[in-house]
Amino acid sequence: MCTQTDGALDISIYPIVKAWGFTTGDYQVPDESTIQSLLPMVDYTKVEFDKTTGNVTIPSGMTIDLGSIAKGYAGQQSAQYLRDNGVKSALLNLGGNVQTIGSKPDGSPWKVGIKDPNGDTPMMVLSITDQAVITSGEYERYFEQDGHTYWHIMDPATGHPADSGLCSVTIVGDDGGTCDALSTSLFVMGLEKAADFWGKSNDFEAVFVTDSGEVYITEGLKDKFALTDDHADTTVKGSESVLIHCLFYIAMRSEEAAGGRLCRSISHKSILPNLLYVIIMPYVSQPSFISLPQKHITCSFLLSLVVS
């Protein structure tokens, strides 16, 4: 998963997390020289795994942190144990990590609440059957110092709390360990990169909440969510918006693409998604109902329109 996310998830992040005090409770903002001295030890590519013996070798000074997948994996294994022993219906709640077995005894889906990152009440409810629902958010573990808030989800590239523009990421999928890893890594990526990653995948769905309060939900959940009464006026953006962000990120990556030239020629990058939206609409009659195989083709096709 570290490789798949291009290091957005890095299991060797422990020295950085410890320096900020999230492993000990002795919270502090480390000086930049300390962070820079620790970053060379954050490199998952230096972890060696021998498939024959099962041995793991790491360089001196490196420490492994599996906190980003531990609860999801534990929930998955616990659920499988119950299944193997004849349990057909159950819900396991490990705190931000929910694993369901089958449906409710009456046959209806389980109702799993997604917390409002800026409050104490559920923002929406997802209808889930036999899947994991795992959320990572900046509100889960944090401390405040000198008027600033610092959360526990670290960016392996900078050694600082991930400042990606997202405040909450919820992943829904069959594999709890994978969902846990993705909730962390997509939070680090930010919306554009996360949308691109989702566009290339077919094994999970997601809910993204931005710092500005925007809510994005992927296509597979469009018929499985309901806003709570307290958040009935929340605007939820669907697959077409996620695809726009996917296209925006692809265009940004290519300096030769027309989209890239547009980005360099305008001062506010938020204009580009609007331009792409104008281009997209004539070619996508029902953007909210694009299936997973279609969305790969659509992204490539629409990008070719932008470039040409």
Protein backbone atom coordinates (compact mmCIF):
# COMPACT_ATOMS: atom_id res chain seq x y z
CA MET A 1 0.00 0.00 0.00
CA CYS A 2 2.95 2.34 0.59
CA THR A 3 4.02 1.75 -3.00
CA GLN A 4 0.49 2.06 -4.41
CA THR A 5 0.03 5.44 -2.72
CA ASP A 6 3.50 6.61 -3.78
CA GLY A 7 4.55 7.10 -0.17
CA ALA A 8 1.49 9.04 1.02
CA LEU A 9 1.28 6.10 3.42
CA ASP A 10 4.68 5.34 4.93
CA ILE A 11 4.97 2.81 7.75
CA SER A 12 8.38 4.22 8.73
CA ILE A 13 6.81 7.52 9.87
CA TYR A 14 7.10 6.66 13.59
CA PRO A 15 10.10 8.92 14.46
CA ILE A 16 8.18 11.93 13.12
CA VAL A 17 4.97 11.04 14.95
CA LYS A 18 6.97 10.58 18.15
CA ALA A 19 8.74 13.93 17.74
CA TRP A 20 5.33 15.65 17.74
CA GLY A 21 4.37 13.76 20.91
CA PHE A 22 1.50 11.73 19.51
CA THR A 23 2.96 8.45 20.74
CA THR A 24 3.66 9.67 24.29
CA GLY A 25 1.08 12.38 24.93
CA ASP A 26 3.87 14.90 25.48
CA TYR A 27 2.71 17.15 22.66
CA GLN A 28 5.08 19.68 21.18
CA VAL A 29 5.99 21.39 17.92
CA PRO A 30 9.49 20.13 17.11
CA ASP A 31 11.95 22.58 15.62
CA GLU A 32 12.58 22.27 11.91
CA SER A 33 16.14 21.03 12.38
CA THR A 34 14.81 18.07 14.37
CA ILE A 35 12.28 17.23 11.67
CA GLN A 36 14.89 17.46 8.92
CA SER A 37 17.24 15.18 10.87
CA LEU A 38 14.50 12.55 11.16
CA LEU A 39 13.13 12.64 7.62
CA PRO A 40 15.98 10.54 6.12
CA MET A 41 14.73 7.66 8.29
CA VAL A 42 11.25 7.96 6.77
CA ASP A 43 11.51 5.84 3.65
CA TYR A 44 9.41 2.71 3.25
CA THR A 45 11.54 1.60 0.27
CA LYS A 46 14.33 0.75 2.72
CA VAL A 47 12.17 -1.84 4.49
CA GLU A 48 13.16 -5.30 3.29
CA PHE A 49 10.80 -8.25 3.54
CA ASP A 50 11.90 -11.82 2.93
CA LYS A 51 8.85 -13.72 1.68
CA THR A 52 10.55 -17.07 2.28
CA THR A 53 11.47 -16.58 5.94
CA GLY A 54 8.99 -13.86 6.84
CA ASN A 55 11.82 -11.74 8.23
CA VAL A 56 11.71 -7.94 8.02
CA THR A 57 14.93 -5.92 7.96
CA ILE A 58 15.09 -2.16 8.51
CA PRO A 59 18.06 0.25 8.67
CA SER A 60 19.49 1.34 11.99
CA GLY A 61 17.48 4.23 13.41
CA MET A 62 14.29 3.40 11.51
CA THR A 63 11.13 2.48 13.44
CA ILE A 64 7.98 0.97 11.99
CA ASP A 65 4.53 2.36 12.84
CA LEU A 66 1.54 0.23 11.83
CA GLY A 67 -1.00 2.49 13.50
CA SER A 68 -2.40 3.52 10.13
CA ILE A 69 -3.69 -0.01 9.44
CA ALA A 70 -3.81 -1.70 12.87
CA LYS A 71 -7.45 -1.14 13.83
CA GLY A 72 -8.71 -1.79 10.32
CA TYR A 73 -6.77 -5.05 10.13
CA ALA A 74 -7.86 -6.06 13.63
CA GLY A 75 -11.49 -5.40 12.74
CA GLN A 76 -11.16 -7.39 9.54
CA GLN A 77 -9.57 -10.37 11.31
CA SER A 78 -12.13 -10.25 14.11
CA ALA A 79 -14.97 -10.21 11.62
CA GLN A 80 -13.49 -13.14 9.73
CA TYR A 81 -13.13 -15.12 12.96
CA LEU A 82 -16.80 -14.54 13.71
CA ARG A 83 -17.78 -15.53 10.17
CA ASP A 84 -15.73 -18.72 10.45
CA ASN A 85 -17.63 -19.55 13.63
CA GLY A 86 -21.04 -19.16 12.12
CA VAL A 87 -21.89 -15.52 12.82
CA LYS A 88 -24.04 -14.13 10.00
CA SER A 89 -24.91 -10.70 11.33
CA ALA A 90 -22.78 -8.33 13.43
CA LEU A 91 -21.35 -4.83 13.67
CA LEU A 92 -17.92 -4.22 15.22
CA ASN A 93 -17.03 -0.67 16.25
CA LEU A 94 -13.37 -0.04 16.99
CA GLY A 95 -13.68 3.74 17.22
CA GLY A 96 -13.64 5.34 13.77
CA ASN A 97 -13.30 1.84 12.34
CA VAL A 98 -16.53 -0.06 11.73
CA GLN A 99 -16.65 -3.58 10.33
CA THR A 100 -19.98 -5.14 9.42
CA ILE A 101 -20.83 -8.79 8.92
CA GLY A 102 -23.73 -9.36 6.58
CA SER A 103 -26.79 -7.22 7.13
CA LYS A 104 -28.91 -6.59 10.23
CA PRO A 105 -30.90 -9.58 11.50
CA ASP A 106 -34.02 -8.24 9.77
CA GLY A 107 -32.16 -8.17 6.43
CA SER A 108 -31.80 -4.40 6.18
CA PRO A 109 -28.39 -2.69 5.79
CA TRP A 110 -26.46 -1.48 8.81
CA LYS A 111 -26.64 2.28 9.42
CA VAL A 112 -23.19 3.77 10.01
CA GLY A 113 -22.89 7.43 10.94
CA ILE A 114 -20.20 9.74 9.54
CA LYS A 115 -19.28 12.45 12.03
CA ASP A 116 -19.34 16.13 11.21
CA PRO A 117 -15.61 17.05 11.42
CA ASN A 118 -16.57 20.43 12.86
CA GLY A 119 -19.08 19.20 15.43
CA ASP A 120 -20.10 16.34 17.69
CA THR A 121 -23.06 15.03 15.71
CA PRO A 122 -23.32 12.68 12.71
CA MET A 123 -23.31 14.47 9.38
CA MET A 124 -24.64 11.60 7.29
CA VAL A 125 -25.60 7.96 7.58
CA LEU A 126 -24.36 5.26 5.21
CA SER A 127 -26.29 2.04 4.51
CA ILE A 128 -23.69 -0.75 4.60
CA THR A 129 -23.78 -4.52 4.17
CA ASP A 130 -20.78 -6.78 4.86
CA GLN A 131 -18.17 -4.03 4.43
CA ALA A 132 -15.82 -1.85 6.45
CA VAL A 133 -16.35 1.88 7.01
CA ILE A 134 -13.23 3.67 8.22
CA THR A 135 -12.68 7.37 8.80
CA SER A 136 -9.54 9.43 9.33
CA GLY A 137 -9.89 13.04 10.39
CA GLU A 138 -7.89 15.90 11.79
CA TYR A 139 -10.37 16.15 14.68
CA GLU A 140 -9.58 12.68 16.08
CA ARG A 141 -6.24 13.40 17.77
CA TYR A 142 -4.77 16.87 17.94
CA PHE A 143 -3.30 19.51 20.18
CA GLU A 144 -3.23 23.29 20.13
CA GLN A 145 -0.21 25.51 20.63
CA ASP A 146 0.14 29.27 20.15
CA GLY A 147 -3.24 29.46 18.47
CA HIS A 148 -2.51 26.72 15.94
CA THR A 149 -4.00 23.22 15.76
CA TYR A 150 -1.76 20.25 14.95
CA TRP A 151 -3.21 16.83 14.15
CA HIS A 152 -1.75 13.34 14.18
CA ILE A 153 -1.92 12.53 10.46
CA MET A 154 1.58 13.29 9.22
CA ASP A 155 2.77 14.00 5.70
CA PRO A 156 5.83 11.75 5.18
CA ALA A 157 7.22 14.24 2.65
CA THR A 158 7.36 17.19 5.06
CA GLY A 159 7.34 15.74 8.56
CA HIS A 160 4.45 18.05 9.45
CA PRO A 161 0.72 17.39 9.92
CA ALA A 162 -0.81 16.83 6.50
CA ASP A 163 -2.19 20.15 5.27
CA SER A 164 -4.05 18.84 2.22
CA GLY A 165 -7.26 20.82 2.33
CA LEU A 166 -9.19 17.82 3.67
CA CYS A 167 -10.44 17.49 7.22
CA SER A 168 -12.06 14.07 6.95
CA VAL A 169 -11.84 11.02 4.68
CA THR A 170 -14.12 8.00 4.96
CA ILE A 171 -13.40 4.82 3.01
CA VAL A 172 -15.89 2.02 2.38
CA GLY A 173 -14.67 -1.34 1.11
CA ASP A 174 -14.43 -5.08 1.64
CA ASP A 175 -10.98 -5.13 3.27
CA GLY A 176 -10.70 -3.33 6.61
CA GLY A 177 -6.92 -3.10 6.57
CA THR A 178 -6.91 -1.58 3.09
CA CYS A 179 -9.67 0.86 4.04
CA ASP A 180 -7.70 1.99 7.08
CA ALA A 181 -4.57 2.54 5.01
CA LEU A 182 -6.50 4.44 2.35
CA SER A 183 -8.29 6.73 4.80
CA THR A 184 -4.89 7.93 6.00
CA SER A 185 -3.09 8.10 2.66
CA LEU A 186 -5.92 9.84 0.76
CA PHE A 187 -6.14 12.39 3.57
CA VAL A 188 -2.45 13.12 3.00
CA MET A 189 -2.90 13.31 -0.79
CA GLY A 190 -5.66 15.92 -0.78
CA LEU A 191 -8.79 15.95 -2.92
CA GLU A 192 -7.25 16.18 -6.42
CA LYS A 193 -4.76 13.35 -5.95
CA ALA A 194 -7.28 11.30 -3.99
CA ALA A 195 -9.83 11.70 -6.80
CA ASP A 196 -7.22 10.54 -9.30
CA PHE A 197 -6.38 7.53 -7.12
CA TRP A 198 -10.07 6.62 -6.81
CA GLY A 199 -10.47 6.99 -10.57
CA LYS A 200 -7.85 4.30 -11.11
CA SER A 201 -9.32 1.91 -8.53
CA ASN A 202 -12.36 -0.32 -8.36
CA ASP A 203 -12.28 -1.68 -4.82
CA PHE A 204 -13.44 1.20 -2.59
CA GLU A 205 -15.75 4.19 -2.31
CA ALA A 206 -15.15 7.37 -0.36
CA VAL A 207 -16.56 10.46 1.32
CA PHE A 208 -14.29 13.53 1.35
CA VAL A 209 -14.92 16.58 3.53
CA THR A 210 -12.81 19.65 2.82
CA ASP A 211 -11.60 22.33 5.21
CA SER A 212 -14.15 24.69 3.65
CA GLY A 213 -17.02 22.30 4.41
CA GLU A 214 -17.54 20.88 0.92
CA VAL A 215 -18.61 17.22 0.85
CA TYR A 216 -17.74 14.91 -2.05
CA ILE A 217 -19.10 11.38 -2.34
CA THR A 218 -18.09 8.78 -4.93
CA GLU A 219 -20.49 7.07 -7.28
CA GLY A 220 -20.83 3.76 -5.43
CA LEU A 221 -22.36 5.52 -2.43
CA LYS A 222 -24.85 7.73 -4.28
CA ASP A 223 -27.80 5.55 -3.26
CA LYS A 224 -26.42 4.56 0.14
CA PHE A 225 -26.24 7.81 2.09
CA ALA A 226 -28.67 10.11 3.83
CA LEU A 227 -27.95 13.43 5.51
CA THR A 228 -29.03 13.78 9.12
CA ASP A 229 -31.69 16.35 10.04
CA ASP A 230 -29.08 18.71 11.52
CA HIS A 231 -27.18 18.73 8.21
CA ALA A 232 -30.06 18.59 5.75
CA ASP A 233 -28.88 21.77 4.04
CA THR A 234 -25.40 20.37 3.32
CA THR A 235 -24.55 20.24 -0.38
CA VAL A 236 -23.11 16.85 -1.33
CA LYS A 237 -21.22 16.75 -4.62
CA GLY A 238 -21.24 13.52 -6.58
CA SER A 239 -19.15 11.61 -9.10
CA GLU A 240 -19.05 14.38 -11.69
CA SER A 241 -17.30 16.68 -9.19
CA VAL A 242 -14.84 13.95 -8.22
CA LEU A 243 -14.09 13.37 -11.91
CA ILE A 244 -13.49 17.08 -12.42
CA HIS A 245 -10.93 17.05 -9.64
CA CYS A 246 -9.42 13.92 -11.18
CA LEU A 247 -9.07 15.71 -14.52
CA PHE A 248 -7.73 18.82 -12.83
CA TYR A 249 -4.98 16.80 -11.15
CA ILE A 250 -4.09 14.94 -14.38
CA ALA A 251 -3.84 18.23 -16.26
CA MET A 252 -1.71 19.77 -13.53
CA ARG A 253 0.75 16.86 -13.76
CA SER A 254 1.44 17.40 -17.44
CA GLU A 255 3.38 20.54 -18.25
CA GLU A 256 2.74 19.97 -21.95
CA ALA A 257 -1.03 19.57 -21.61
CA ALA A 258 -3.26 22.47 -22.47
CA GLY A 259 -4.73 22.26 -19.00
CA GLY A 260 -1.28 22.80 -17.56
CA ARG A 261 -0.80 25.89 -19.73
CA LEU A 262 -4.15 27.18 -18.58
CA CYS A 263 -3.11 26.73 -14.97
CA ARG A 264 0.05 28.72 -15.52
CA SER A 265 -1.83 31.48 -17.27
CA ILE A 266 -4.44 32.12 -14.59
CA SER A 267 -3.88 33.30 -11.06
CA HIS A 268 -6.57 31.25 -9.30
CA LYS A 269 -6.54 27.50 -9.97
CA SER A 270 -10.18 27.11 -8.95
CA ILE A 271 -11.11 28.60 -12.33
CA LEU A 272 -9.84 25.52 -14.15
CA PRO A 273 -12.36 23.01 -12.72
CA ASN A 274 -15.11 25.36 -13.87
CA LEU A 275 -13.60 25.48 -17.36
CA LEU A 276 -13.31 21.69 -17.40
CA TYR A 277 -16.91 21.42 -16.24
CA VAL A 278 -18.04 23.45 -19.25
CA ILE A 279 -16.08 21.11 -21.52
CA ILE A 280 -17.29 17.95 -19.78
CA MET A 281 -21.02 18.56 -19.73
CA PRO A 282 -21.69 18.23 -23.50
CA TYR A 283 -20.00 14.83 -23.52
CA VAL A 284 -21.35 13.28 -20.33
CA SER A 285 -25.12 13.05 -20.29
CA GLN A 286 -25.36 11.48 -16.83
CA PRO A 287 -22.13 12.22 -14.98
CA SER A 288 -23.50 11.05 -11.63
CA PHE A 289 -24.02 7.55 -13.00
CA ILE A 290 -20.62 6.83 -14.52
CA SER A 291 -19.61 3.27 -13.63
CA LEU A 292 -16.12 2.41 -12.43
CA PRO A 293 -14.89 0.96 -15.79
CA GLN A 294 -16.42 3.90 -17.65
CA LYS A 295 -14.80 6.52 -15.48
CA HIS A 296 -11.30 5.43 -16.54
CA ILE A 297 -12.27 5.83 -20.20
CA THR A 298 -14.09 9.08 -19.49
CA CYS A 299 -11.10 10.64 -17.72
CA SER A 300 -8.78 9.77 -20.61
CA PHE A 301 -11.28 10.84 -23.28
CA LEU A 302 -12.11 14.13 -21.61
CA LEU A 303 -8.46 14.92 -21.00
CA SER A 304 -7.82 14.44 -24.71
CA LEU A 305 -10.56 16.99 -25.37
CA VAL A 306 -8.92 19.46 -23.02
CA VAL A 307 -5.48 18.94 -24.53
CA SER A 308 -6.77 19.20 -28.09
